N, C-alpha and C. Protein backbone atom coordinates (compact mmCIF):
# COMPACT_ATOMS: atom_id res chain seq x y z
N MET A 1 -6.69 -0.41 -26.84
CA MET A 1 -6.28 -0.06 -25.49
C MET A 1 -7.36 0.80 -24.85
N THR A 2 -7.69 0.51 -23.62
CA THR A 2 -8.73 1.27 -22.94
C THR A 2 -8.16 2.53 -22.32
N GLU A 3 -9.03 3.52 -22.17
CA GLU A 3 -8.61 4.77 -21.55
C GLU A 3 -8.41 4.53 -20.05
N PRO A 4 -7.35 5.07 -19.49
CA PRO A 4 -7.13 4.87 -18.06
C PRO A 4 -8.23 5.52 -17.24
N VAL A 5 -8.51 4.95 -16.10
CA VAL A 5 -9.52 5.49 -15.21
C VAL A 5 -9.11 6.90 -14.78
N ARG A 6 -10.08 7.78 -14.64
CA ARG A 6 -9.80 9.17 -14.28
C ARG A 6 -8.93 9.24 -13.03
N GLN A 7 -7.91 10.06 -13.09
CA GLN A 7 -7.00 10.21 -11.96
C GLN A 7 -7.43 11.34 -11.04
N PHE A 8 -7.97 12.42 -11.60
CA PHE A 8 -8.32 13.59 -10.81
C PHE A 8 -9.81 13.84 -10.92
N VAL A 9 -10.46 13.93 -9.79
CA VAL A 9 -11.89 14.17 -9.78
C VAL A 9 -12.21 15.28 -8.79
N GLU A 10 -13.29 16.00 -9.08
CA GLU A 10 -13.69 17.10 -8.21
C GLU A 10 -15.19 17.02 -7.96
N GLY A 11 -15.64 17.76 -6.96
CA GLY A 11 -17.06 17.91 -6.69
C GLY A 11 -17.79 16.61 -6.47
N ARG A 12 -18.92 16.47 -7.19
CA ARG A 12 -19.75 15.26 -7.01
C ARG A 12 -18.99 14.00 -7.39
N ARG A 13 -18.14 14.10 -8.38
CA ARG A 13 -17.35 12.94 -8.79
C ARG A 13 -16.43 12.50 -7.65
N ALA A 14 -15.81 13.47 -6.99
CA ALA A 14 -14.93 13.14 -5.86
C ALA A 14 -15.73 12.48 -4.74
N ASP A 15 -16.94 12.95 -4.52
CA ASP A 15 -17.79 12.33 -3.50
C ASP A 15 -18.14 10.89 -3.89
N THR A 16 -18.41 10.67 -5.17
CA THR A 16 -18.72 9.31 -5.64
C THR A 16 -17.52 8.38 -5.44
N VAL A 17 -16.34 8.85 -5.79
CA VAL A 17 -15.13 8.05 -5.61
C VAL A 17 -14.91 7.75 -4.13
N ARG A 18 -15.06 8.76 -3.28
CA ARG A 18 -14.90 8.56 -1.83
C ARG A 18 -15.89 7.52 -1.31
N ARG A 19 -17.14 7.61 -1.76
CA ARG A 19 -18.15 6.64 -1.31
C ARG A 19 -17.78 5.23 -1.78
N LEU A 20 -17.29 5.12 -3.00
CA LEU A 20 -16.89 3.80 -3.51
C LEU A 20 -15.70 3.23 -2.71
N LEU A 21 -14.73 4.08 -2.40
CA LEU A 21 -13.57 3.61 -1.64
C LEU A 21 -13.97 3.24 -0.21
N ASP A 22 -14.83 4.05 0.41
CA ASP A 22 -15.32 3.72 1.76
C ASP A 22 -16.11 2.41 1.74
N ALA A 23 -16.94 2.24 0.72
CA ALA A 23 -17.73 1.02 0.60
C ALA A 23 -16.83 -0.20 0.38
N THR A 24 -15.73 0.01 -0.32
CA THR A 24 -14.77 -1.10 -0.54
C THR A 24 -14.23 -1.59 0.80
N VAL A 25 -13.84 -0.67 1.66
CA VAL A 25 -13.32 -1.06 2.97
C VAL A 25 -14.40 -1.79 3.77
N GLU A 26 -15.61 -1.28 3.75
CA GLU A 26 -16.71 -1.94 4.48
C GLU A 26 -16.96 -3.35 3.94
N GLU A 27 -16.93 -3.50 2.63
CA GLU A 27 -17.12 -4.82 2.02
C GLU A 27 -16.00 -5.78 2.41
N LEU A 28 -14.77 -5.27 2.43
CA LEU A 28 -13.64 -6.12 2.81
C LEU A 28 -13.79 -6.62 4.25
N VAL A 29 -14.21 -5.74 5.13
CA VAL A 29 -14.37 -6.11 6.53
C VAL A 29 -15.51 -7.11 6.70
N GLU A 30 -16.62 -6.87 6.04
CA GLU A 30 -17.80 -7.72 6.22
C GLU A 30 -17.79 -8.99 5.38
N ARG A 31 -17.31 -8.92 4.15
CA ARG A 31 -17.41 -10.07 3.24
C ARG A 31 -16.07 -10.71 2.90
N GLY A 32 -15.00 -9.92 2.96
CA GLY A 32 -13.70 -10.42 2.53
C GLY A 32 -13.52 -10.20 1.04
N PHE A 33 -12.27 -10.24 0.62
CA PHE A 33 -11.94 -9.96 -0.78
C PHE A 33 -12.56 -10.98 -1.73
N GLY A 34 -12.56 -12.24 -1.35
CA GLY A 34 -13.09 -13.28 -2.23
C GLY A 34 -14.55 -13.10 -2.58
N SER A 35 -15.34 -12.59 -1.66
CA SER A 35 -16.78 -12.42 -1.88
C SER A 35 -17.15 -11.02 -2.38
N MET A 36 -16.24 -10.10 -2.26
CA MET A 36 -16.51 -8.74 -2.69
C MET A 36 -16.55 -8.66 -4.22
N THR A 37 -17.44 -7.83 -4.74
CA THR A 37 -17.50 -7.57 -6.18
C THR A 37 -17.66 -6.06 -6.38
N VAL A 38 -17.39 -5.60 -7.59
CA VAL A 38 -17.63 -4.19 -7.90
C VAL A 38 -19.12 -3.89 -7.72
N ARG A 39 -19.94 -4.83 -8.08
CA ARG A 39 -21.40 -4.67 -7.93
C ARG A 39 -21.78 -4.48 -6.46
N SER A 40 -21.23 -5.31 -5.56
CA SER A 40 -21.58 -5.19 -4.14
C SER A 40 -21.07 -3.87 -3.56
N VAL A 41 -19.92 -3.42 -4.03
CA VAL A 41 -19.39 -2.13 -3.58
C VAL A 41 -20.29 -1.01 -4.09
N ALA A 42 -20.69 -1.07 -5.35
CA ALA A 42 -21.57 -0.04 -5.92
C ALA A 42 -22.89 0.03 -5.16
N GLU A 43 -23.46 -1.13 -4.87
CA GLU A 43 -24.72 -1.15 -4.10
C GLU A 43 -24.54 -0.51 -2.74
N ARG A 44 -23.48 -0.87 -2.06
CA ARG A 44 -23.22 -0.31 -0.72
C ARG A 44 -23.00 1.20 -0.80
N ALA A 45 -22.36 1.67 -1.87
CA ALA A 45 -22.09 3.10 -2.03
C ALA A 45 -23.28 3.86 -2.61
N ALA A 46 -24.33 3.13 -2.95
CA ALA A 46 -25.55 3.72 -3.53
C ALA A 46 -25.26 4.43 -4.85
N VAL A 47 -24.47 3.76 -5.69
CA VAL A 47 -24.23 4.25 -7.05
C VAL A 47 -24.49 3.10 -8.02
N SER A 48 -24.74 3.44 -9.27
CA SER A 48 -25.00 2.38 -10.25
C SER A 48 -23.70 1.62 -10.54
N ARG A 49 -23.86 0.41 -10.99
CA ARG A 49 -22.72 -0.41 -11.37
C ARG A 49 -21.94 0.27 -12.50
N ALA A 50 -22.65 0.86 -13.45
CA ALA A 50 -22.00 1.54 -14.57
C ALA A 50 -21.14 2.70 -14.07
N THR A 51 -21.65 3.43 -13.10
CA THR A 51 -20.88 4.53 -12.53
C THR A 51 -19.63 4.00 -11.84
N ALA A 52 -19.78 2.94 -11.07
CA ALA A 52 -18.62 2.35 -10.38
C ALA A 52 -17.57 1.94 -11.40
N TYR A 53 -17.99 1.29 -12.47
CA TYR A 53 -17.05 0.84 -13.49
C TYR A 53 -16.44 2.00 -14.28
N SER A 54 -17.08 3.16 -14.27
CA SER A 54 -16.48 4.31 -14.97
C SER A 54 -15.26 4.84 -14.21
N TYR A 55 -15.17 4.50 -12.92
CA TYR A 55 -14.03 4.92 -12.10
C TYR A 55 -13.06 3.78 -11.82
N PHE A 56 -13.56 2.58 -11.66
CA PHE A 56 -12.73 1.44 -11.26
C PHE A 56 -13.05 0.23 -12.14
N SER A 57 -12.01 -0.35 -12.70
CA SER A 57 -12.19 -1.43 -13.66
C SER A 57 -12.43 -2.80 -13.04
N SER A 58 -12.10 -2.96 -11.74
CA SER A 58 -12.21 -4.27 -11.10
C SER A 58 -12.14 -4.12 -9.59
N LYS A 59 -12.41 -5.19 -8.90
CA LYS A 59 -12.28 -5.13 -7.44
C LYS A 59 -10.82 -4.98 -7.04
N GLU A 60 -9.91 -5.52 -7.83
CA GLU A 60 -8.48 -5.33 -7.56
C GLU A 60 -8.10 -3.85 -7.66
N HIS A 61 -8.67 -3.19 -8.65
CA HIS A 61 -8.42 -1.77 -8.83
C HIS A 61 -8.97 -0.98 -7.63
N LEU A 62 -10.15 -1.32 -7.17
CA LEU A 62 -10.74 -0.67 -6.00
C LEU A 62 -9.83 -0.82 -4.78
N VAL A 63 -9.39 -2.03 -4.50
CA VAL A 63 -8.56 -2.29 -3.33
C VAL A 63 -7.22 -1.56 -3.44
N THR A 64 -6.62 -1.59 -4.61
CA THR A 64 -5.35 -0.90 -4.81
C THR A 64 -5.52 0.60 -4.65
N ALA A 65 -6.64 1.14 -5.12
CA ALA A 65 -6.91 2.58 -4.96
C ALA A 65 -7.07 2.94 -3.48
N VAL A 66 -7.73 2.09 -2.70
CA VAL A 66 -7.85 2.34 -1.26
C VAL A 66 -6.47 2.37 -0.63
N PHE A 67 -5.64 1.40 -0.97
CA PHE A 67 -4.29 1.34 -0.40
C PHE A 67 -3.48 2.58 -0.79
N TRP A 68 -3.56 2.99 -2.06
CA TRP A 68 -2.82 4.17 -2.51
C TRP A 68 -3.30 5.42 -1.76
N LYS A 69 -4.61 5.55 -1.56
CA LYS A 69 -5.12 6.70 -0.79
C LYS A 69 -4.57 6.68 0.63
N ARG A 70 -4.50 5.50 1.24
CA ARG A 70 -3.96 5.39 2.60
C ARG A 70 -2.48 5.78 2.63
N VAL A 71 -1.72 5.34 1.63
CA VAL A 71 -0.30 5.69 1.57
C VAL A 71 -0.13 7.20 1.38
N GLN A 72 -0.94 7.80 0.51
CA GLN A 72 -0.86 9.24 0.28
C GLN A 72 -1.18 10.04 1.55
N ALA A 73 -2.02 9.50 2.41
CA ALA A 73 -2.43 10.21 3.62
C ALA A 73 -1.44 10.07 4.77
N LEU A 74 -0.42 9.23 4.61
CA LEU A 74 0.56 9.03 5.68
C LEU A 74 1.34 10.31 5.95
N PRO A 75 1.71 10.52 7.22
CA PRO A 75 2.55 11.68 7.50
C PRO A 75 3.91 11.50 6.82
N PRO A 76 4.59 12.61 6.54
CA PRO A 76 5.90 12.51 5.89
C PRO A 76 6.86 11.68 6.75
N SER A 77 7.75 10.97 6.07
CA SER A 77 8.74 10.20 6.81
C SER A 77 9.76 11.17 7.40
N GLY A 78 10.29 10.81 8.56
CA GLY A 78 11.29 11.66 9.20
C GLY A 78 12.57 11.69 8.38
N ASP A 79 13.22 12.84 8.38
CA ASP A 79 14.43 12.93 7.56
C ASP A 79 15.70 12.95 8.41
N ALA A 80 15.58 12.88 9.72
CA ALA A 80 16.76 12.85 10.59
C ALA A 80 17.21 11.41 10.76
N ARG A 81 18.39 11.11 10.23
CA ARG A 81 18.91 9.74 10.33
C ARG A 81 19.81 9.63 11.55
N THR A 82 19.78 8.45 12.16
CA THR A 82 20.62 8.20 13.33
C THR A 82 21.96 7.62 12.95
N GLY A 83 22.07 7.12 11.71
CA GLY A 83 23.29 6.43 11.29
C GLY A 83 23.21 4.94 11.53
N LYS A 84 22.10 4.50 12.11
CA LYS A 84 21.85 3.07 12.32
C LYS A 84 20.78 2.67 11.31
N PRO A 85 21.19 2.06 10.19
CA PRO A 85 20.24 1.81 9.10
C PRO A 85 18.97 1.07 9.52
N GLY A 86 19.10 0.04 10.32
CA GLY A 86 17.92 -0.71 10.73
C GLY A 86 16.93 0.14 11.49
N GLU A 87 17.45 0.94 12.40
CA GLU A 87 16.61 1.84 13.20
C GLU A 87 15.93 2.89 12.31
N ASP A 88 16.69 3.44 11.38
CA ASP A 88 16.14 4.46 10.49
C ASP A 88 15.07 3.89 9.57
N VAL A 89 15.31 2.69 9.05
CA VAL A 89 14.32 2.04 8.18
C VAL A 89 13.07 1.70 9.00
N ALA A 90 13.25 1.19 10.20
CA ALA A 90 12.09 0.85 11.04
C ALA A 90 11.24 2.09 11.28
N ARG A 91 11.88 3.21 11.54
CA ARG A 91 11.14 4.46 11.76
C ARG A 91 10.40 4.88 10.49
N ALA A 92 11.05 4.70 9.36
CA ALA A 92 10.44 5.11 8.09
C ALA A 92 9.21 4.28 7.73
N VAL A 93 9.24 3.00 8.06
CA VAL A 93 8.10 2.14 7.69
C VAL A 93 7.10 1.98 8.82
N ASP A 94 7.42 2.51 9.98
CA ASP A 94 6.51 2.32 11.12
C ASP A 94 5.13 2.91 10.86
N THR A 95 5.05 4.07 10.22
CA THR A 95 3.74 4.66 9.95
C THR A 95 2.94 3.79 8.97
N ILE A 96 3.64 3.20 8.02
CA ILE A 96 2.97 2.29 7.08
C ILE A 96 2.48 1.06 7.84
N ALA A 97 3.34 0.51 8.67
CA ALA A 97 2.98 -0.69 9.44
C ALA A 97 1.81 -0.42 10.38
N GLN A 98 1.80 0.74 11.03
CA GLN A 98 0.69 1.08 11.93
C GLN A 98 -0.62 1.20 11.16
N MET A 99 -0.57 1.83 10.00
CA MET A 99 -1.77 1.96 9.18
C MET A 99 -2.28 0.59 8.77
N LEU A 100 -1.38 -0.28 8.36
CA LEU A 100 -1.78 -1.61 7.92
C LEU A 100 -2.26 -2.48 9.09
N ALA A 101 -1.63 -2.33 10.24
CA ALA A 101 -2.04 -3.12 11.41
C ALA A 101 -3.48 -2.82 11.79
N ALA A 102 -3.92 -1.60 11.52
CA ALA A 102 -5.29 -1.21 11.86
C ALA A 102 -6.31 -1.73 10.84
N GLU A 103 -5.83 -2.24 9.70
CA GLU A 103 -6.75 -2.67 8.64
C GLU A 103 -6.34 -4.03 8.07
N SER A 104 -6.52 -5.06 8.86
CA SER A 104 -6.09 -6.40 8.44
C SER A 104 -6.83 -6.89 7.20
N ALA A 105 -8.10 -6.54 7.05
CA ALA A 105 -8.84 -6.97 5.86
C ALA A 105 -8.24 -6.33 4.60
N LEU A 106 -7.79 -5.09 4.71
CA LEU A 106 -7.16 -4.43 3.57
C LEU A 106 -5.83 -5.09 3.22
N VAL A 107 -5.04 -5.43 4.23
CA VAL A 107 -3.75 -6.09 4.01
C VAL A 107 -3.96 -7.42 3.28
N GLN A 108 -4.90 -8.21 3.76
CA GLN A 108 -5.15 -9.50 3.12
C GLN A 108 -5.61 -9.32 1.68
N ALA A 109 -6.47 -8.34 1.43
CA ALA A 109 -6.94 -8.09 0.06
C ALA A 109 -5.81 -7.60 -0.83
N CYS A 110 -4.96 -6.75 -0.29
CA CYS A 110 -3.84 -6.21 -1.09
C CYS A 110 -2.87 -7.30 -1.49
N THR A 111 -2.73 -8.32 -0.67
CA THR A 111 -1.82 -9.42 -0.99
C THR A 111 -2.17 -10.02 -2.35
N THR A 112 -3.45 -10.05 -2.67
CA THR A 112 -3.91 -10.55 -3.97
C THR A 112 -4.06 -9.43 -4.99
N ALA A 113 -4.73 -8.35 -4.60
CA ALA A 113 -5.10 -7.29 -5.55
C ALA A 113 -3.89 -6.64 -6.21
N LEU A 114 -2.83 -6.40 -5.44
CA LEU A 114 -1.67 -5.71 -6.00
C LEU A 114 -0.94 -6.52 -7.07
N LEU A 115 -1.22 -7.80 -7.13
CA LEU A 115 -0.57 -8.65 -8.12
C LEU A 115 -1.33 -8.74 -9.43
N ALA A 116 -2.49 -8.10 -9.51
CA ALA A 116 -3.33 -8.18 -10.71
C ALA A 116 -2.59 -7.61 -11.92
N ASP A 117 -2.79 -8.26 -13.05
CA ASP A 117 -2.17 -7.84 -14.30
C ASP A 117 -3.14 -6.94 -15.06
N GLN A 118 -3.41 -5.77 -14.48
CA GLN A 118 -4.35 -4.81 -15.06
C GLN A 118 -3.67 -3.45 -15.11
N GLN A 119 -3.90 -2.72 -16.18
CA GLN A 119 -3.23 -1.44 -16.39
C GLN A 119 -3.41 -0.49 -15.21
N GLU A 120 -4.63 -0.35 -14.72
CA GLU A 120 -4.90 0.58 -13.62
C GLU A 120 -4.21 0.15 -12.34
N VAL A 121 -4.21 -1.15 -12.07
CA VAL A 121 -3.56 -1.67 -10.87
C VAL A 121 -2.05 -1.48 -10.99
N LYS A 122 -1.49 -1.76 -12.13
CA LYS A 122 -0.05 -1.58 -12.34
C LYS A 122 0.35 -0.13 -12.11
N ARG A 123 -0.45 0.82 -12.62
CA ARG A 123 -0.13 2.24 -12.46
C ARG A 123 -0.11 2.60 -10.97
N LEU A 124 -1.13 2.20 -10.23
CA LEU A 124 -1.18 2.50 -8.80
C LEU A 124 -0.09 1.76 -8.03
N ARG A 125 0.16 0.51 -8.41
CA ARG A 125 1.23 -0.26 -7.76
C ARG A 125 2.57 0.43 -7.94
N ASP A 126 2.80 0.97 -9.12
CA ASP A 126 4.04 1.72 -9.36
C ASP A 126 4.12 2.96 -8.48
N GLU A 127 3.01 3.68 -8.34
CA GLU A 127 2.98 4.87 -7.48
C GLU A 127 3.28 4.49 -6.03
N ILE A 128 2.65 3.44 -5.56
CA ILE A 128 2.88 2.96 -4.19
C ILE A 128 4.34 2.58 -4.02
N GLY A 129 4.87 1.83 -4.98
CA GLY A 129 6.27 1.40 -4.93
C GLY A 129 7.23 2.57 -4.90
N ARG A 130 6.96 3.59 -5.71
CA ARG A 130 7.83 4.77 -5.71
C ARG A 130 7.82 5.48 -4.36
N GLU A 131 6.64 5.59 -3.76
CA GLU A 131 6.56 6.27 -2.47
C GLU A 131 7.27 5.47 -1.37
N VAL A 132 7.08 4.17 -1.34
CA VAL A 132 7.77 3.35 -0.34
C VAL A 132 9.27 3.41 -0.57
N TYR A 133 9.69 3.29 -1.83
CA TYR A 133 11.12 3.35 -2.16
C TYR A 133 11.72 4.68 -1.72
N ARG A 134 10.98 5.78 -1.96
CA ARG A 134 11.45 7.11 -1.55
C ARG A 134 11.63 7.16 -0.03
N ARG A 135 10.69 6.62 0.70
CA ARG A 135 10.79 6.62 2.16
C ARG A 135 12.00 5.79 2.63
N LEU A 136 12.20 4.65 2.01
CA LEU A 136 13.34 3.81 2.37
C LEU A 136 14.65 4.48 1.98
N ALA A 137 14.70 5.10 0.81
CA ALA A 137 15.91 5.80 0.37
C ALA A 137 16.25 6.94 1.32
N ASP A 138 15.23 7.67 1.77
CA ASP A 138 15.47 8.74 2.74
C ASP A 138 16.06 8.17 4.03
N ALA A 139 15.61 7.00 4.41
CA ALA A 139 16.06 6.39 5.67
C ALA A 139 17.50 5.88 5.58
N VAL A 140 17.89 5.34 4.45
CA VAL A 140 19.23 4.75 4.36
C VAL A 140 20.27 5.70 3.79
N GLY A 141 19.83 6.84 3.30
CA GLY A 141 20.79 7.84 2.82
C GLY A 141 21.57 7.41 1.60
N ASP A 142 22.88 7.48 1.69
CA ASP A 142 23.75 7.23 0.55
C ASP A 142 24.15 5.77 0.41
N ALA A 143 23.29 4.87 0.79
CA ALA A 143 23.61 3.44 0.70
C ALA A 143 23.79 3.01 -0.75
N ASP A 144 24.52 1.95 -0.91
CA ASP A 144 24.68 1.32 -2.22
C ASP A 144 23.28 1.02 -2.77
N PRO A 145 22.99 1.42 -4.01
CA PRO A 145 21.66 1.18 -4.58
C PRO A 145 21.22 -0.28 -4.54
N SER A 146 22.15 -1.22 -4.67
CA SER A 146 21.75 -2.63 -4.61
C SER A 146 21.33 -3.01 -3.19
N ALA A 147 21.93 -2.38 -2.17
CA ALA A 147 21.51 -2.63 -0.79
C ALA A 147 20.12 -2.05 -0.56
N LEU A 148 19.86 -0.87 -1.12
CA LEU A 148 18.53 -0.28 -1.01
C LEU A 148 17.50 -1.17 -1.70
N ASP A 149 17.84 -1.71 -2.86
CA ASP A 149 16.94 -2.63 -3.55
C ASP A 149 16.66 -3.86 -2.69
N ALA A 150 17.67 -4.35 -1.98
CA ALA A 150 17.48 -5.51 -1.09
C ALA A 150 16.53 -5.17 0.05
N VAL A 151 16.65 -3.97 0.60
CA VAL A 151 15.76 -3.54 1.68
C VAL A 151 14.33 -3.42 1.14
N MET A 152 14.17 -2.87 -0.06
CA MET A 152 12.84 -2.75 -0.66
C MET A 152 12.24 -4.13 -0.89
N THR A 153 13.04 -5.05 -1.39
CA THR A 153 12.57 -6.42 -1.60
C THR A 153 12.16 -7.05 -0.28
N ALA A 154 12.93 -6.82 0.76
CA ALA A 154 12.59 -7.34 2.09
C ALA A 154 11.29 -6.74 2.60
N PHE A 155 11.07 -5.46 2.32
CA PHE A 155 9.83 -4.80 2.73
C PHE A 155 8.64 -5.45 2.03
N VAL A 156 8.73 -5.63 0.72
CA VAL A 156 7.63 -6.24 -0.04
C VAL A 156 7.39 -7.67 0.45
N GLY A 157 8.47 -8.42 0.64
CA GLY A 157 8.32 -9.78 1.16
C GLY A 157 7.68 -9.81 2.53
N SER A 158 8.04 -8.85 3.37
CA SER A 158 7.46 -8.77 4.71
C SER A 158 5.97 -8.46 4.63
N LEU A 159 5.57 -7.62 3.68
CA LEU A 159 4.14 -7.34 3.50
C LEU A 159 3.38 -8.59 3.07
N VAL A 160 3.99 -9.36 2.18
CA VAL A 160 3.34 -10.61 1.75
C VAL A 160 3.22 -11.56 2.94
N LEU A 161 4.27 -11.68 3.74
CA LEU A 161 4.20 -12.53 4.94
C LEU A 161 3.09 -12.05 5.87
N ALA A 162 3.00 -10.74 6.08
CA ALA A 162 1.97 -10.20 6.96
C ALA A 162 0.57 -10.43 6.38
N GLY A 163 0.43 -10.18 5.10
CA GLY A 163 -0.87 -10.37 4.45
C GLY A 163 -1.31 -11.82 4.42
N SER A 164 -0.35 -12.72 4.47
CA SER A 164 -0.65 -14.15 4.48
C SER A 164 -0.82 -14.70 5.90
N GLY A 165 -0.61 -13.84 6.89
CA GLY A 165 -0.79 -14.26 8.27
C GLY A 165 0.43 -14.87 8.93
N TYR A 166 1.59 -14.79 8.28
CA TYR A 166 2.81 -15.41 8.83
C TYR A 166 3.68 -14.45 9.64
N LEU A 167 3.36 -13.16 9.58
CA LEU A 167 4.12 -12.16 10.32
C LEU A 167 3.12 -11.15 10.87
N PRO A 168 3.03 -11.01 12.19
CA PRO A 168 2.12 -9.98 12.71
C PRO A 168 2.54 -8.60 12.21
N MET A 169 1.58 -7.83 11.74
CA MET A 169 1.88 -6.51 11.18
C MET A 169 2.61 -5.64 12.20
N GLU A 170 2.32 -5.85 13.48
CA GLU A 170 2.98 -5.06 14.52
C GLU A 170 4.49 -5.34 14.56
N GLN A 171 4.93 -6.45 13.98
CA GLN A 171 6.35 -6.80 13.97
C GLN A 171 7.05 -6.41 12.67
N LEU A 172 6.32 -5.82 11.73
CA LEU A 172 6.89 -5.50 10.43
C LEU A 172 8.12 -4.60 10.55
N ALA A 173 8.02 -3.52 11.30
CA ALA A 173 9.13 -2.56 11.40
C ALA A 173 10.36 -3.22 12.01
N SER A 174 10.19 -3.96 13.10
CA SER A 174 11.36 -4.59 13.73
C SER A 174 11.92 -5.71 12.86
N HIS A 175 11.05 -6.43 12.17
CA HIS A 175 11.49 -7.48 11.24
C HIS A 175 12.38 -6.87 10.14
N LEU A 176 11.91 -5.77 9.58
CA LEU A 176 12.66 -5.10 8.52
C LEU A 176 13.94 -4.47 9.06
N ALA A 177 13.91 -4.00 10.29
CA ALA A 177 15.12 -3.42 10.91
C ALA A 177 16.22 -4.48 11.01
N GLY A 178 15.84 -5.69 11.42
CA GLY A 178 16.81 -6.77 11.53
C GLY A 178 17.44 -7.12 10.19
N ILE A 179 16.61 -7.17 9.16
CA ILE A 179 17.12 -7.47 7.81
C ILE A 179 18.05 -6.34 7.34
N THR A 180 17.61 -5.11 7.55
CA THR A 180 18.40 -3.96 7.12
C THR A 180 19.77 -3.94 7.79
N ASP A 181 19.80 -4.27 9.08
CA ASP A 181 21.09 -4.29 9.79
C ASP A 181 22.02 -5.34 9.21
N ARG A 182 21.48 -6.40 8.63
CA ARG A 182 22.33 -7.43 8.03
C ARG A 182 22.82 -7.00 6.64
N VAL A 183 22.02 -6.16 5.98
CA VAL A 183 22.33 -5.76 4.60
C VAL A 183 23.19 -4.49 4.55
N LEU A 184 22.93 -3.55 5.45
CA LEU A 184 23.63 -2.27 5.41
C LEU A 184 24.49 -2.08 6.67
N PRO A 185 25.73 -1.69 6.48
CA PRO A 185 26.58 -1.41 7.66
C PRO A 185 26.17 -0.08 8.29
N PRO A 186 26.43 0.11 9.57
CA PRO A 186 26.15 1.41 10.18
C PRO A 186 26.95 2.51 9.49
N ALA A 187 26.44 3.73 9.56
CA ALA A 187 27.14 4.87 8.94
C ALA A 187 28.54 4.99 9.51
N GLY A 188 29.49 5.30 8.64
CA GLY A 188 30.87 5.48 9.08
C GLY A 188 31.67 4.20 9.15
N SER A 189 31.05 3.05 8.77
CA SER A 189 31.79 1.78 8.83
C SER A 189 32.60 1.58 7.58
């Protein structure tokens, strides 16, 4: 079993990771996920390939790390619920949708990268999933856990639709609001 990629970095190492993540976004925009390689990202970031691989095991890992950093940087989800589940869920995911709408190349890459069967990608995918689930749980409050699972599944499916070009990212929040309203009754019902 391989040692997991370093999770916490400081100083020059943090700068190297930042340069690699920035270069990943630039590569996605200019070349697309299919043509991007760890080597091309390392060259763009002006680091050796060996250094890049000491932090990231694959291009899927790079893309997933960029997405996780973006999710971590999102403002906190609002905690005031209106009692209208669809509206509350739409508000909770709107910041995610806005971030993704601004980075279509990242969305398309994530559609593939997040599905990779790699230890590092799985770990980050789990972190992303926990954060999204937490935001959705905050939005729906004391809903039946199976209903919350359905909303989470709808969110993931909506991301796949958006990443595949079948749903404009700008419609993600309203799309999910409609599904949520069908799955969860308004508060007090």
